[in-house]
PDB file of all heavy atoms in Angstrom:
ATOM      1  N   VAL A   1     -14.055  87.904 -20.213  1.00  0.00           N
ATOM      2  CA  VAL A   1     -14.686  88.697 -19.108  1.00  0.00           C
ATOM      3  C   VAL A   1     -15.421  87.802 -18.137  1.00  0.00           C
ATOM      4  O   VAL A   1     -15.353  87.935 -16.904  1.00  0.00           O
ATOM      5  CB  VAL A   1     -15.585  89.807 -19.690  1.00  0.00           C
ATOM      6  CG1 VAL A   1     -16.396  90.470 -18.595  1.00  0.00           C
ATOM      7  CG2 VAL A   1     -14.723  90.843 -20.404  1.00  0.00           C
ATOM      8  N   ALA A   2     -16.172  86.855 -18.705  1.00  0.00           N
ATOM      9  CA  ALA A   2     -16.924  85.946 -17.841  1.00  0.00           C
ATOM     10  C   ALA A   2     -16.007  85.113 -16.960  1.00  0.00           C
ATOM     11  O   ALA A   2     -16.242  84.903 -15.775  1.00  0.00           O
ATOM     12  CB  ALA A   2     -17.800  85.040 -18.684  1.00  0.00           C
ATOM     13  N   VAL A   3     -14.902  84.588 -17.561  1.00  0.00           N
ATOM     14  CA  VAL A   3     -13.943  83.792 -16.815  1.00  0.00           C
ATOM     15  C   VAL A   3     -13.318  84.639 -15.716  1.00  0.00           C
ATOM     16  O   VAL A   3     -13.135  84.180 -14.537  1.00  0.00           O
ATOM     17  CB  VAL A   3     -12.896  83.193 -17.747  1.00  0.00           C
ATOM     18  CG1 VAL A   3     -11.696  82.641 -16.942  1.00  0.00           C
ATOM     19  CG2 VAL A   3     -13.475  82.087 -18.575  1.00  0.00           C
ATOM     20  N   CYS A   4     -12.908  85.873 -16.034  1.00  0.00           N
ATOM     21  CA  CYS A   4     -12.278  86.737 -15.034  1.00  0.00           C
ATOM     22  C   CYS A   4     -13.291  87.045 -13.901  1.00  0.00           C
ATOM     23  O   CYS A   4     -12.905  87.092 -12.725  1.00  0.00           O
ATOM     24  CB  CYS A   4     -11.813  88.025 -15.676  1.00  0.00           C
ATOM     25  SG  CYS A   4     -10.349  87.819 -16.702  1.00  0.00           S
ATOM     26  N   THR A   5     -14.519  87.209 -14.224  1.00  0.00           N
ATOM     27  CA  THR A   5     -15.553  87.498 -13.217  1.00  0.00           C
ATOM     28  C   THR A   5     -15.713  86.319 -12.283  1.00  0.00           C
ATOM     29  O   THR A   5     -15.826  86.438 -11.048  1.00  0.00           O
ATOM     30  CB  THR A   5     -16.908  87.858 -13.899  1.00  0.00           C
ATOM     31  OG1 THR A   5     -16.690  88.909 -14.769  1.00  0.00           O
ATOM     32  CG2 THR A   5     -17.943  88.208 -12.843  1.00  0.00           C
ATOM     33  N   VAL A   6     -15.733  85.093 -12.898  1.00  0.00           N
ATOM     34  CA  VAL A   6     -15.884  83.906 -12.045  1.00  0.00           C
ATOM     35  C   VAL A   6     -14.664  83.731 -11.112  1.00  0.00           C
ATOM     36  O   VAL A   6     -14.799  83.419  -9.920  1.00  0.00           O
ATOM     37  CB  VAL A   6     -16.099  82.666 -12.947  1.00  0.00           C
ATOM     38  CG1 VAL A   6     -15.933  81.368 -12.168  1.00  0.00           C
ATOM     39  CG2 VAL A   6     -17.466  82.724 -13.605  1.00  0.00           C
ATOM     40  N   LEU A   7     -13.474  83.963 -11.665  1.00  0.00           N
ATOM     41  CA  LEU A   7     -12.253  83.850 -10.877  1.00  0.00           C
ATOM     42  C   LEU A   7     -12.221  84.859  -9.769  1.00  0.00           C
ATOM     43  O   LEU A   7     -11.789  84.575  -8.670  1.00  0.00           O
ATOM     44  CB  LEU A   7     -11.010  83.973 -11.753  1.00  0.00           C
ATOM     45  CG  LEU A   7     -10.767  82.748 -12.718  1.00  0.00           C
ATOM     46  CD1 LEU A   7      -9.533  83.088 -13.583  1.00  0.00           C
ATOM     47  CD2 LEU A   7     -10.532  81.488 -11.947  1.00  0.00           C
ATOM     48  N   LEU A   8     -12.689  86.074 -10.036  1.00  0.00           N
ATOM     49  CA  LEU A   8     -12.684  87.122  -8.996  1.00  0.00           C
ATOM     50  C   LEU A   8     -13.670  86.754  -7.876  1.00  0.00           C
ATOM     51  O   LEU A   8     -13.392  86.875  -6.689  1.00  0.00           O
ATOM     52  CB  LEU A   8     -13.112  88.450  -9.617  1.00  0.00           C
ATOM     53  CG  LEU A   8     -13.213  89.646  -8.691  1.00  0.00           C
ATOM     54  CD1 LEU A   8     -11.776  89.992  -8.190  1.00  0.00           C
ATOM     55  CD2 LEU A   8     -13.832  90.845  -9.378  1.00  0.00           C
ATOM     56  N   MET A   9     -14.864  86.251  -8.267  1.00  0.00           N
ATOM     57  CA  MET A   9     -15.857  85.812  -7.245  1.00  0.00           C
ATOM     58  C   MET A   9     -15.260  84.682  -6.405  1.00  0.00           C
ATOM     59  O   MET A   9     -15.388  84.622  -5.198  1.00  0.00           O
ATOM     60  CB  MET A   9     -17.110  85.367  -7.946  1.00  0.00           C
ATOM     61  CG  MET A   9     -17.844  86.472  -8.669  1.00  0.00           C
ATOM     62  SD  MET A   9     -18.657  87.626  -7.587  1.00  0.00           S
ATOM     63  CE  MET A   9     -20.147  86.701  -7.310  1.00  0.00           C
ATOM     64  N   TRP A  10     -14.584  83.705  -7.087  1.00  0.00           N
ATOM     65  CA  TRP A  10     -14.015  82.556  -6.383  1.00  0.00           C
ATOM     66  C   TRP A  10     -12.956  83.032  -5.391  1.00  0.00           C
ATOM     67  O   TRP A  10     -12.840  82.514  -4.269  1.00  0.00           O
ATOM     68  CB  TRP A  10     -13.454  81.591  -7.406  1.00  0.00           C
ATOM     69  CG  TRP A  10     -12.911  80.368  -6.822  1.00  0.00           C
ATOM     70  CD1 TRP A  10     -13.556  79.417  -6.040  1.00  0.00           C
ATOM     71  CD2 TRP A  10     -11.560  79.849  -6.920  1.00  0.00           C
ATOM     72  NE1 TRP A  10     -12.698  78.418  -5.703  1.00  0.00           N
ATOM     73  CE2 TRP A  10     -11.468  78.653  -6.212  1.00  0.00           C
ATOM     74  CE3 TRP A  10     -10.488  80.375  -7.612  1.00  0.00           C
ATOM     75  CZ2 TRP A  10     -10.305  77.930  -6.138  1.00  0.00           C
ATOM     76  CZ3 TRP A  10      -9.288  79.653  -7.502  1.00  0.00           C
ATOM     77  CH2 TRP A  10      -9.224  78.473  -6.758  1.00  0.00           C
ATOM     78  N   SER A  11     -12.132  84.004  -5.837  1.00  0.00           N
ATOM     79  CA  SER A  11     -11.056  84.500  -4.922  1.00  0.00           C
ATOM     80  C   SER A  11     -11.694  85.212  -3.734  1.00  0.00           C
ATOM     81  O   SER A  11     -11.173  85.143  -2.591  1.00  0.00           O
ATOM     82  CB  SER A  11     -10.095  85.387  -5.657  1.00  0.00           C
ATOM     83  OG  SER A  11     -10.737  86.618  -6.085  1.00  0.00           O
ATOM     84  N   TYR A  12     -12.752  85.969  -3.940  1.00  0.00           N
ATOM     85  CA  TYR A  12     -13.412  86.614  -2.800  1.00  0.00           C
ATOM     86  C   TYR A  12     -13.982  85.580  -1.825  1.00  0.00           C
ATOM     87  O   TYR A  12     -13.929  85.776  -0.608  1.00  0.00           O
ATOM     88  CB  TYR A  12     -14.602  87.501  -3.297  1.00  0.00           C
ATOM     89  CG  TYR A  12     -14.146  88.865  -3.787  1.00  0.00           C
ATOM     90  CD1 TYR A  12     -14.736  89.457  -4.845  1.00  0.00           C
ATOM     91  CD2 TYR A  12     -13.124  89.536  -3.128  1.00  0.00           C
ATOM     92  CE1 TYR A  12     -14.325  90.683  -5.295  1.00  0.00           C
ATOM     93  CE2 TYR A  12     -12.713  90.783  -3.620  1.00  0.00           C
ATOM     94  CZ  TYR A  12     -13.312  91.367  -4.633  1.00  0.00           C
ATOM     95  OH  TYR A  12     -12.935  92.605  -5.107  1.00  0.00           O
ATOM     96  N   VAL A  13     -14.546  84.478  -2.343  1.00  0.00           N
ATOM     97  CA  VAL A  13     -15.052  83.387  -1.488  1.00  0.00           C
ATOM     98  C   VAL A  13     -13.896  82.811  -0.661  1.00  0.00           C
ATOM     99  O   VAL A  13     -14.054  82.626   0.558  1.00  0.00           O
ATOM    100  CB  VAL A  13     -15.813  82.299  -2.333  1.00  0.00           C
ATOM    101  CG1 VAL A  13     -16.031  81.106  -1.473  1.00  0.00           C
ATOM    102  CG2 VAL A  13     -17.078  82.887  -2.883  1.00  0.00           C
ATOM    103  N   GLU A  14     -12.779  82.532  -1.310  1.00  0.00           N
ATOM    104  CA  GLU A  14     -11.648  81.955  -0.608  1.00  0.00           C
ATOM    105  C   GLU A  14     -11.057  82.958   0.437  1.00  0.00           C
ATOM    106  O   GLU A  14     -10.688  82.555   1.559  1.00  0.00           O
ATOM    107  CB  GLU A  14     -10.523  81.595  -1.569  1.00  0.00           C
ATOM    108  CG  GLU A  14     -10.749  80.300  -2.268  1.00  0.00           C
ATOM    109  CD  GLU A  14      -9.538  79.797  -3.057  1.00  0.00           C
ATOM    110  OE1 GLU A  14      -8.460  80.414  -2.948  1.00  0.00           O
ATOM    111  OE2 GLU A  14      -9.668  78.804  -3.697  1.00  0.00           O
ATOM    112  N   LEU A  15     -11.018  84.202   0.084  1.00  0.00           N
ATOM    113  CA  LEU A  15     -10.580  85.259   1.006  1.00  0.00           C
ATOM    114  C   LEU A  15     -11.459  85.312   2.234  1.00  0.00           C
ATOM    115  O   LEU A  15     -10.971  85.409   3.374  1.00  0.00           O
ATOM    116  CB  LEU A  15     -10.529  86.631   0.332  1.00  0.00           C
ATOM    117  CG  LEU A  15     -10.057  87.788   1.167  1.00  0.00           C
ATOM    118  CD1 LEU A  15      -8.587  87.593   1.602  1.00  0.00           C
ATOM    119  CD2 LEU A  15     -10.252  89.080   0.451  1.00  0.00           C
ATOM    120  N   THR A  16     -12.731  85.186   2.048  1.00  0.00           N
ATOM    121  CA  THR A  16     -13.676  85.249   3.155  1.00  0.00           C
ATOM    122  C   THR A  16     -13.487  84.013   4.044  1.00  0.00           C
ATOM    123  O   THR A  16     -13.497  84.082   5.305  1.00  0.00           O
ATOM    124  CB  THR A  16     -15.140  85.283   2.608  1.00  0.00           C
ATOM    125  OG1 THR A  16     -15.269  86.403   1.766  1.00  0.00           O
ATOM    126  CG2 THR A  16     -16.126  85.405   3.780  1.00  0.00           C
ATOM    127  N   GLN A  17     -13.313  82.841   3.452  1.00  0.00           N
ATOM    128  CA  GLN A  17     -13.077  81.634   4.212  1.00  0.00           C
ATOM    129  C   GLN A  17     -11.770  81.712   4.989  1.00  0.00           C
ATOM    130  O   GLN A  17     -11.709  81.359   6.173  1.00  0.00           O
ATOM    131  CB  GLN A  17     -13.031  80.389   3.294  1.00  0.00           C
ATOM    132  CG  GLN A  17     -14.371  80.001   2.706  1.00  0.00           C
ATOM    133  CD  GLN A  17     -14.230  78.873   1.739  1.00  0.00           C
ATOM    134  OE1 GLN A  17     -13.125  78.453   1.377  1.00  0.00           O
ATOM    135  NE2 GLN A  17     -15.393  78.360   1.294  1.00  0.00           N
ATOM    136  N   LEU A  18     -10.707  82.242   4.378  1.00  0.00           N
ATOM    137  CA  LEU A  18      -9.448  82.388   5.050  1.00  0.00           C
ATOM    138  C   LEU A  18      -9.570  83.359   6.256  1.00  0.00           C
ATOM    139  O   LEU A  18      -8.965  83.206   7.291  1.00  0.00           O
ATOM    140  CB  LEU A  18      -8.331  82.805   4.080  1.00  0.00           C
ATOM    141  CG  LEU A  18      -7.867  81.734   3.126  1.00  0.00           C
ATOM    142  CD1 LEU A  18      -6.845  82.361   2.102  1.00  0.00           C
ATOM    143  CD2 LEU A  18      -7.261  80.585   3.858  1.00  0.00           C
ATOM    144  N   SER A  19     -10.320  84.425   5.997  1.00  0.00           N
ATOM    145  CA  SER A  19     -10.497  85.408   7.085  1.00  0.00           C
ATOM    146  C   SER A  19     -11.205  84.826   8.247  1.00  0.00           C
ATOM    147  O   SER A  19     -10.775  85.047   9.435  1.00  0.00           O
ATOM    148  CB  SER A  19     -11.275  86.639   6.540  1.00  0.00           C
ATOM    149  OG  SER A  19     -10.551  87.294   5.569  1.00  0.00           O
ATOM    150  N   SER A  20     -12.230  84.006   8.017  1.00  0.00           N
ATOM    151  CA  SER A  20     -12.940  83.348   9.099  1.00  0.00           C
ATOM    152  C   SER A  20     -12.015  82.359   9.802  1.00  0.00           C
ATOM    153  O   SER A  20     -12.058  82.198  11.048  1.00  0.00           O
ATOM    154  CB  SER A  20     -14.224  82.698   8.626  1.00  0.00           C
ATOM    155  OG  SER A  20     -13.909  81.657   7.731  1.00  0.00           O
ATOM    156  N   GLN A  21     -11.162  81.615   9.068  1.00  0.00           N
ATOM    157  CA  GLN A  21     -10.274  80.690   9.731  1.00  0.00           C
ATOM    158  C   GLN A  21      -9.226  81.424  10.535  1.00  0.00           C
ATOM    159  O   GLN A  21      -8.866  80.925  11.638  1.00  0.00           O
ATOM    160  CB  GLN A  21      -9.537  79.888   8.603  1.00  0.00           C
ATOM    161  CG  GLN A  21     -10.393  78.855   7.949  1.00  0.00           C
ATOM    162  CD  GLN A  21      -9.679  78.115   6.782  1.00  0.00           C
ATOM    163  OE1 GLN A  21      -8.535  78.380   6.511  1.00  0.00           O
ATOM    164  NE2 GLN A  21     -10.344  77.145   6.198  1.00  0.00           N
ATOM    165  N   VAL A  22      -8.760  82.603  10.099  1.00  0.00           N
ATOM    166  CA  VAL A  22      -7.772  83.370  10.863  1.00  0.00           C
ATOM    167  C   VAL A  22      -8.415  83.820  12.174  1.00  0.00           C
ATOM    168  O   VAL A  22      -7.819  83.745  13.237  1.00  0.00           O
ATOM    169  CB  VAL A  22      -7.274  84.596  10.051  1.00  0.00           C
ATOM    170  CG1 VAL A  22      -6.584  85.572  10.922  1.00  0.00           C
ATOM    171  CG2 VAL A  22      -6.338  84.119   8.947  1.00  0.00           C
ATOM    172  N   VAL A  23      -9.669  84.248  12.143  1.00  0.00           N
ATOM    173  CA  VAL A  23     -10.332  84.630  13.359  1.00  0.00           C
ATOM    174  C   VAL A  23     -10.507  83.450  14.314  1.00  0.00           C
ATOM    175  O   VAL A  23     -10.255  83.642  15.527  1.00  0.00           O
ATOM    176  CB  VAL A  23     -11.722  85.258  12.984  1.00  0.00           C
ATOM    177  CG1 VAL A  23     -12.554  85.468  14.242  1.00  0.00           C
ATOM    178  CG2 VAL A  23     -11.527  86.578  12.274  1.00  0.00           C
ATOM    179  N   GLU A  24     -10.811  82.278  13.811  1.00  0.00           N
ATOM    180  CA  GLU A  24     -10.992  81.113  14.654  1.00  0.00           C
ATOM    181  C   GLU A  24      -9.597  80.748  15.259  1.00  0.00           C
ATOM    182  O   GLU A  24      -9.560  80.436  16.471  1.00  0.00           O
ATOM    183  CB  GLU A  24     -11.502  79.909  13.833  1.00  0.00           C
ATOM    184  CG  GLU A  24     -12.934  80.054  13.431  1.00  0.00           C
ATOM    185  CD  GLU A  24     -13.403  78.955  12.496  1.00  0.00           C
ATOM    186  OE1 GLU A  24     -12.607  78.033  12.318  1.00  0.00           O
ATOM    187  OE2 GLU A  24     -14.536  78.990  12.037  1.00  0.00           O
ATOM    188  N   ILE A  25      -8.553  80.810  14.479  1.00  0.00           N
ATOM    189  CA  ILE A  25      -7.199  80.449  14.971  1.00  0.00           C
ATOM    190  C   ILE A  25      -6.774  81.406  16.018  1.00  0.00           C
ATOM    191  O   ILE A  25      -6.182  81.025  17.028  1.00  0.00           O
ATOM    192  CB  ILE A  25      -6.208  80.316  13.795  1.00  0.00           C
ATOM    193  CG1 ILE A  25      -6.543  79.055  13.000  1.00  0.00           C
ATOM    194  CG2 ILE A  25      -4.795  80.256  14.318  1.00  0.00           C
ATOM    195  CD1 ILE A  25      -5.748  78.946  11.718  1.00  0.00           C
ATOM    196  N   LYS A  26      -7.022  82.713  15.819  1.00  0.00           N
ATOM    197  CA  LYS A  26      -6.686  83.710  16.829  1.00  0.00           C
ATOM    198  C   LYS A  26      -7.403  83.442  18.137  1.00  0.00           C
ATOM    199  O   LYS A  26      -6.804  83.584  19.244  1.00  0.00           O
ATOM    200  CB  LYS A  26      -6.953  85.118  16.314  1.00  0.00           C
ATOM    201  CG  LYS A  26      -5.908  85.613  15.346  1.00  0.00           C
ATOM    202  CD  LYS A  26      -6.201  87.067  14.958  1.00  0.00           C
ATOM    203  CE  LYS A  26      -5.133  87.586  14.046  1.00  0.00           C
ATOM    204  NZ  LYS A  26      -5.339  89.000  13.675  1.00  0.00           N
ATOM    205  N   SER A  27      -8.658  83.094  18.080  1.00  0.00           N
ATOM    206  CA  SER A  27      -9.363  82.819  19.319  1.00  0.00           C
ATOM    207  C   SER A  27      -8.819  81.577  20.010  1.00  0.00           C
ATOM    208  O   SER A  27      -8.725  81.528  21.218  1.00  0.00           O
ATOM    209  CB  SER A  27     -10.893  82.666  19.075  1.00  0.00           C
ATOM    210  OG  SER A  27     -11.165  81.547  18.264  1.00  0.00           O
ATOM    211  N   GLU A  28      -8.416  80.551  19.191  1.00  0.00           N
ATOM    212  CA  GLU A  28      -7.787  79.352  19.751  1.00  0.00           C
ATOM    213  C   GLU A  28      -6.501  79.708  20.412  1.00  0.00           C
ATOM    214  O   GLU A  28      -6.152  79.173  21.489  1.00  0.00           O
ATOM    215  CB  GLU A  28      -7.578  78.308  18.661  1.00  0.00           C
ATOM    216  CG  GLU A  28      -8.720  77.450  18.338  1.00  0.00           C
ATOM    217  CD  GLU A  28      -8.366  76.368  17.325  1.00  0.00           C
ATOM    218  OE1 GLU A  28      -7.293  75.753  17.460  1.00  0.00           O
ATOM    219  OE2 GLU A  28      -9.150  76.151  16.393  1.00  0.00           O
ATOM    220  N   ILE A  29      -5.712  80.610  19.816  1.00  0.00           N
ATOM    221  CA  ILE A  29      -4.382  80.954  20.344  1.00  0.00           C
ATOM    222  C   ILE A  29      -4.614  81.625  21.696  1.00  0.00           C
ATOM    223  O   ILE A  29      -3.869  81.356  22.625  1.00  0.00           O
ATOM    224  CB  ILE A  29      -3.677  81.871  19.391  1.00  0.00           C
ATOM    225  CG1 ILE A  29      -3.130  81.051  18.232  1.00  0.00           C
ATOM    226  CG2 ILE A  29      -2.494  82.604  20.059  1.00  0.00           C
ATOM    227  CD1 ILE A  29      -2.450  81.869  17.131  1.00  0.00           C
ATOM    228  N   THR A  30      -5.568  82.536  21.792  1.00  0.00           N
ATOM    229  CA  THR A  30      -5.767  83.214  23.113  1.00  0.00           C
ATOM    230  C   THR A  30      -6.201  82.187  24.182  1.00  0.00           C
ATOM    231  O   THR A  30      -5.744  82.257  25.290  1.00  0.00           O
ATOM    232  CB  THR A  30      -6.811  84.302  22.962  1.00  0.00           C
ATOM    233  OG1 THR A  30      -8.053  83.812  22.419  1.00  0.00           O
ATOM    234  CG2 THR A  30      -6.317  85.433  22.066  1.00  0.00           C
ATOM    235  N   THR A  31      -7.086  81.219  23.819  1.00  0.00           N
ATOM    236  CA  THR A  31      -7.475  80.227  24.849  1.00  0.00           C
ATOM    237  C   THR A  31      -6.270  79.362  25.219  1.00  0.00           C
ATOM    238  O   THR A  31      -6.130  79.005  26.411  1.00  0.00           O
ATOM    239  CB  THR A  31      -8.640  79.398  24.302  1.00  0.00           C
ATOM    240  OG1 THR A  31      -8.296  78.800  23.058  1.00  0.00           O
ATOM    241  CG2 THR A  31      -9.921  80.227  24.102  1.00  0.00           C
ATOM    242  N   LEU A  32      -5.474  78.970  24.209  1.00  0.00           N
ATOM    243  CA  LEU A  32      -4.312  78.137  24.499  1.00  0.00           C
ATOM    244  C   LEU A  32      -3.297  78.825  25.374  1.00  0.00           C
ATOM    245  O   LEU A  32      -2.634  78.249  26.276  1.00  0.00           O
ATOM    246  CB  LEU A  32      -3.660  77.599  23.230  1.00  0.00           C
ATOM    247  CG  LEU A  32      -4.468  76.566  22.447  1.00  0.00           C
ATOM    248  CD1 LEU A  32      -3.735  76.206  21.132  1.00  0.00           C
ATOM    249  CD2 LEU A  32      -4.632  75.316  23.271  1.00  0.00           C
ATOM    250  N   GLN A  33      -3.086  80.169  25.131  1.00  0.00           N
ATOM    251  CA  GLN A  33      -2.188  80.925  25.963  1.00  0.00           C
ATOM    252  C   GLN A  33      -2.651  81.015  27.449  1.00  0.00           C
ATOM    253  O   GLN A  33      -1.861  80.901  28.327  1.00  0.00           O
ATOM    254  CB  GLN A  33      -1.973  82.318  25.340  1.00  0.00           C
ATOM    255  CG  GLN A  33      -1.110  82.313  24.115  1.00  0.00           C
ATOM    256  CD  GLN A  33      -1.008  83.686  23.462  1.00  0.00           C
ATOM    257  OE1 GLN A  33      -1.789  84.579  23.750  1.00  0.00           O
ATOM    258  NE2 GLN A  33      -0.036  83.848  22.593  1.00  0.00           N
ATOM    259  N   SER A  34      -3.915  81.183  27.562  1.00  0.00           N
ATOM    260  CA  SER A  34      -4.435  81.206  28.975  1.00  0.00           C
ATOM    261  C   SER A  34      -4.315  79.856  29.632  1.00  0.00           C
ATOM    262  O   SER A  34      -3.942  79.762  30.825  1.00  0.00           O
ATOM    263  CB  SER A  34      -5.910  81.675  28.990  1.00  0.00           C
ATOM    264  OG  SER A  34      -6.748  80.799  28.330  1.00  0.00           O
ATOM    265  N   GLU A  35      -4.564  78.786  28.882  1.00  0.00           N
ATOM    266  CA  GLU A  35      -4.366  77.444  29.410  1.00  0.00           C
ATOM    267  C   GLU A  35      -2.891  77.171  29.768  1.00  0.00           C
ATOM    268  O   GLU A  35      -2.591  76.554  30.745  1.00  0.00           O
ATOM    269  CB  GLU A  35      -4.862  76.393  28.394  1.00  0.00           C
ATOM    270  CG  GLU A  35      -6.354  76.207  28.385  1.00  0.00           C
ATOM    271  CD  GLU A  35      -6.745  75.051  27.469  1.00  0.00           C
ATOM    272  OE1 GLU A  35      -6.046  74.018  27.406  1.00  0.00           O
ATOM    273  OE2 GLU A  35      -7.748  75.242  26.749  1.00  0.00           O
ATOM    274  N   GLU A  36      -1.992  77.688  28.886  1.00  0.00           N
ATOM    275  CA  GLU A  36      -0.566  77.524  29.152  1.00  0.00           C
ATOM    276  C   GLU A  36      -0.171  78.172  30.428  1.00  0.00           C
ATOM    277  O   GLU A  36       0.576  77.600  31.236  1.00  0.00           O
ATOM    278  CB  GLU A  36       0.215  78.109  27.965  1.00  0.00           C
ATOM    279  CG  GLU A  36       1.733  78.026  28.203  1.00  0.00           C
ATOM    280  CD  GLU A  36       2.537  78.864  27.252  1.00  0.00           C
ATOM    281  OE1 GLU A  36       1.932  79.763  26.590  1.00  0.00           O
ATOM    282  OE2 GLU A  36       3.765  78.655  27.177  1.00  0.00           O
ATOM    283  N   ALA A  37      -0.652  79.386  30.690  1.00  0.00           N
ATOM    284  CA  ALA A  37      -0.323  80.090  31.924  1.00  0.00           C
ATOM    285  C   ALA A  37      -0.853  79.314  33.120  1.00  0.00           C
ATOM    286  O   ALA A  37      -0.131  79.156  34.144  1.00  0.00           O
ATOM    287  CB  ALA A  37      -0.902  81.484  31.865  1.00  0.00           C
ATOM    288  N   LYS A  38      -2.008  78.731  33.015  1.00  0.00           N
ATOM    289  CA  LYS A  38      -2.569  77.928  34.125  1.00  0.00           C
ATOM    290  C   LYS A  38      -1.758  76.639  34.415  1.00  0.00           C
ATOM    291  O   LYS A  38      -1.414  76.298  35.522  1.00  0.00           O
ATOM    292  CB  LYS A  38      -4.032  77.544  33.852  1.00  0.00           C
ATOM    293  CG  LYS A  38      -4.985  78.700  33.909  1.00  0.00           C
ATOM    294  CD  LYS A  38      -6.386  78.207  33.552  1.00  0.00           C
ATOM    295  CE  LYS A  38      -7.347  79.373  33.441  1.00  0.00           C
ATOM    296  NZ  LYS A  38      -8.671  78.930  32.995  1.00  0.00           N
ATOM    297  N   LEU A  39      -1.405  75.981  33.277  1.00  0.00           N
ATOM    298  CA  LEU A  39      -0.620  74.747  33.431  1.00  0.00           C
ATOM    299  C   LEU A  39       0.776  74.975  33.964  1.00  0.00           C
ATOM    300  O   LEU A  39       1.315  74.157  34.719  1.00  0.00           O
ATOM    301  CB  LEU A  39      -0.557  74.015  32.076  1.00  0.00           C
ATOM    302  CG  LEU A  39      -1.836  73.377  31.574  1.00  0.00           C
ATOM    303  CD1 LEU A  39      -1.687  72.848  30.190  1.00  0.00           C
ATOM    304  CD2 LEU A  39      -2.368  72.328  32.534  1.00  0.00           C
ATOM    305  N   ARG A  40       1.409  76.086  33.576  1.00  0.00           N
ATOM    306  CA  ARG A  40       2.707  76.444  34.140  1.00  0.00           C
ATOM    307  C   ARG A  40       2.628  76.665  35.638  1.00  0.00           C
ATOM    308  O   ARG A  40       3.522  76.216  36.388  1.00  0.00           O
ATOM    309  CB  ARG A  40       3.322  77.648  33.435  1.00  0.00           C
ATOM    310  CG  ARG A  40       3.875  77.376  32.063  1.00  0.00           C
ATOM    311  CD  ARG A  40       4.561  78.571  31.513  1.00  0.00           C
ATOM    312  NE  ARG A  40       4.997  78.365  30.192  1.00  0.00           N
ATOM    313  CZ  ARG A  40       6.267  78.010  29.856  1.00  0.00           C
ATOM    314  NH1 ARG A  40       7.129  77.762  30.773  1.00  0.00           N
ATOM    315  NH2 ARG A  40       6.590  77.781  28.566  1.00  0.00           N
ATOM    316  N   ALA A  41       1.591  77.361  36.040  1.00  0.00           N
ATOM    317  CA  ALA A  41       1.430  77.600  37.464  1.00  0.00           C
ATOM    318  C   ALA A  41       1.250  76.261  38.212  1.00  0.00           C
ATOM    319  O   ALA A  41       1.786  76.048  39.310  1.00  0.00           O
ATOM    320  CB  ALA A  41       0.280  78.511  37.701  1.00  0.00           C
ATOM    321  N   GLN A  42       0.405  75.358  37.628  1.00  0.00           N
ATOM    322  CA  GLN A  42       0.236  74.051  38.249  1.00  0.00           C
ATOM    323  C   GLN A  42       1.524  73.258  38.252  1.00  0.00           C
ATOM    324  O   GLN A  42       1.821  72.534  39.212  1.00  0.00           O
ATOM    325  CB  GLN A  42      -0.865  73.263  37.512  1.00  0.00           C
ATOM    326  CG  GLN A  42      -2.279  73.782  37.738  1.00  0.00           C
ATOM    327  CD  GLN A  42      -3.276  73.004  36.890  1.00  0.00           C
ATOM    328  OE1 GLN A  42      -2.916  72.145  36.108  1.00  0.00           O
ATOM    329  NE2 GLN A  42      -4.535  73.371  37.045  1.00  0.00           N
ATOM    330  N   TYR A  43       2.291  73.352  37.176  1.00  0.00           N
ATOM    331  CA  TYR A  43       3.555  72.626  37.082  1.00  0.00           C
ATOM    332  C   TYR A  43       4.525  73.077  38.202  1.00  0.00           C
ATOM    333  O   TYR A  43       5.205  72.256  38.844  1.00  0.00           O
ATOM    334  CB  TYR A  43       4.180  72.818  35.729  1.00  0.00           C
ATOM    335  CG  TYR A  43       5.526  72.173  35.571  1.00  0.00           C
ATOM    336  CD1 TYR A  43       5.621  70.783  35.392  1.00  0.00           C
ATOM    337  CD2 TYR A  43       6.667  72.896  35.556  1.00  0.00           C
ATOM    338  CE1 TYR A  43       6.856  70.197  35.213  1.00  0.00           C
ATOM    339  CE2 TYR A  43       7.903  72.321  35.388  1.00  0.00           C
ATOM    340  CZ  TYR A  43       7.986  70.948  35.207  1.00  0.00           C
ATOM    341  OH  TYR A  43       9.193  70.355  35.073  1.00  0.00           O
ATOM    342  N   GLU A  44       4.622  74.388  38.381  1.00  0.00           N
ATOM    343  CA  GLU A  44       5.483  74.947  39.358  1.00  0.00           C
ATOM    344  C   GLU A  44       5.058  74.537  40.783  1.00  0.00           C
ATOM    345  O   GLU A  44       5.897  74.321  41.668  1.00  0.00           O
ATOM    346  CB  GLU A  44       5.596  76.460  39.241  1.00  0.00           C
ATOM    347  CG  GLU A  44       6.346  76.897  37.995  1.00  0.00           C
ATOM    348  CD  GLU A  44       6.293  78.416  37.759  1.00  0.00           C
ATOM    349  OE1 GLU A  44       5.655  79.089  38.614  1.00  0.00           O
ATOM    350  OE2 GLU A  44       6.820  78.850  36.760  1.00  0.00           O
TER     351      GLU A  44
END
């Protein structure tokens, strides 16, 4: 029971870290897409 509890807590910590990374990556994607639109306009 103790091992299962520790593993459950560890998986919750990893899930929280992955969720924060997903949010960061999504914000990066939106900034990169806006930069891409600007650079395409400059290229044309």
